[in-house]
Amino acid sequence: MDRSSRPEVRNPVLALPAVARLLTLQPELRLALADVLRDLYLDAKVRAEKSWTSKKGPLAVYWRAVEVYALHISRAVRPTKAELRSRVVDLKAAA
């Protein structure tokens, strides 16, 4: 596999032990976390742009970093559709 095609190259937070721990959470919890991180990403993106247009470069860089990390982590922890489907089947079987 090409280096640029490897998941941990495209999303470097996948190599962090903390993300591996997050992946052990139930799919529903990971989905909620991914949603919150996605909201954080969108908010940080707006703040970075506002800071940049206000000539506040260091603050814009800070918000840009928050934006990038929030997006990378949300994509890393987001459960797959198959994980969510299997969880629904498991819950129906338990009922």
Protein backbone atom coordinates (compact mmCIF):
# COMPACT_ATOMS: atom_id res chain seq x y z
CA MET A 1 0.00 0.00 0.00
CA ASP A 2 1.29 3.46 -0.88
CA ARG A 3 2.34 5.51 2.10
CA SER A 4 -0.16 8.23 1.23
CA SER A 5 -2.99 5.68 1.17
CA ARG A 6 -2.42 4.41 4.71
CA PRO A 7 -5.11 5.61 7.13
CA GLU A 8 -2.61 6.74 9.80
CA VAL A 9 -0.88 8.99 7.24
CA ARG A 10 -4.13 10.57 6.10
CA ASN A 11 -5.33 10.96 9.71
CA PRO A 12 -2.33 11.09 12.08
CA VAL A 13 -4.45 10.97 15.24
CA LEU A 14 -5.18 7.30 14.46
CA ALA A 15 -1.67 6.54 15.72
CA LEU A 16 -2.39 8.02 19.17
CA PRO A 17 -3.05 5.58 22.05
CA ALA A 18 -5.88 7.80 23.31
CA VAL A 19 -7.78 7.35 20.04
CA ALA A 20 -7.35 3.58 20.32
CA ARG A 21 -9.00 3.81 23.74
CA LEU A 22 -11.86 5.87 22.30
CA LEU A 23 -12.44 3.18 19.68
CA THR A 24 -13.31 0.71 22.48
CA LEU A 25 -16.41 2.74 23.37
CA GLN A 26 -19.86 1.64 22.23
CA PRO A 27 -20.80 2.85 18.74
CA GLU A 28 -23.61 5.07 20.09
CA LEU A 29 -21.18 6.90 22.39
CA ARG A 30 -18.66 7.28 19.59
CA LEU A 31 -21.38 8.69 17.32
CA ALA A 32 -22.34 11.27 19.96
CA LEU A 33 -18.69 12.20 20.48
CA ALA A 34 -18.15 12.52 16.73
CA ASP A 35 -21.19 14.83 16.49
CA VAL A 36 -19.89 17.08 19.28
CA LEU A 37 -16.44 17.20 17.70
CA ARG A 38 -17.99 18.04 14.33
CA ASP A 39 -19.80 20.99 15.97
CA LEU A 40 -16.51 22.07 17.56
CA TYR A 41 -14.87 21.87 14.14
CA LEU A 42 -17.52 24.10 12.55
CA ASP A 43 -17.34 26.65 15.38
CA ALA A 44 -13.52 26.73 15.33
CA LYS A 45 -13.56 27.20 11.55
CA VAL A 46 -15.75 30.31 11.87
CA ARG A 47 -13.61 31.67 14.71
CA ALA A 48 -10.39 31.10 12.75
CA GLU A 49 -11.75 32.98 9.75
CA LYS A 50 -13.03 35.82 11.93
CA SER A 51 -9.68 36.09 13.73
CA TRP A 52 -7.80 36.08 10.43
CA THR A 53 -9.92 38.87 8.94
CA SER A 54 -9.47 40.84 12.18
CA LYS A 55 -5.68 40.64 11.73
CA LYS A 56 -5.30 38.44 14.82
CA GLY A 57 -2.92 35.90 13.30
CA PRO A 58 -1.88 33.96 16.44
CA LEU A 59 -5.50 33.51 17.49
CA ALA A 60 -6.43 32.43 13.96
CA VAL A 61 -3.67 29.81 14.06
CA TYR A 62 -4.94 28.54 17.42
CA TRP A 63 -8.49 28.14 16.12
CA ARG A 64 -7.22 26.53 12.93
CA ALA A 65 -5.39 23.92 15.02
CA VAL A 66 -8.56 23.30 17.06
CA GLU A 67 -10.47 22.94 13.80
CA VAL A 68 -8.05 20.40 12.34
CA TYR A 69 -7.78 18.26 15.47
CA ALA A 70 -11.55 18.25 16.04
CA LEU A 71 -12.16 17.08 12.48
CA HIS A 72 -9.45 14.42 12.58
CA ILE A 73 -10.65 13.02 15.89
CA SER A 74 -14.32 13.08 14.86
CA ARG A 75 -13.49 11.11 11.73
CA ALA A 76 -11.32 8.68 13.70
CA VAL A 77 -13.99 7.84 16.30
CA ARG A 78 -17.04 7.92 14.04
CA PRO A 79 -18.51 4.41 13.93
CA THR A 80 -19.06 2.71 10.62
CA LYS A 81 -22.57 2.07 9.35
CA ALA A 82 -21.95 -1.66 9.81
CA GLU A 83 -21.11 -1.13 13.49
CA LEU A 84 -24.30 0.83 14.03
CA ARG A 85 -26.42 -1.74 12.14
CA SER A 86 -24.98 -4.65 14.09
CA ARG A 87 -25.66 -2.79 17.32
CA VAL A 88 -29.33 -2.31 16.35
CA VAL A 89 -29.61 -6.02 15.55
CA ASP A 90 -28.02 -6.88 18.93
CA LEU A 91 -30.48 -4.63 20.76
CA LYS A 92 -33.46 -6.14 18.92
CA ALA A 93 -32.27 -9.64 19.77
CA ALA A 94 -31.91 -8.72 23.44
CA ALA A 95 -35.47 -7.35 23.62
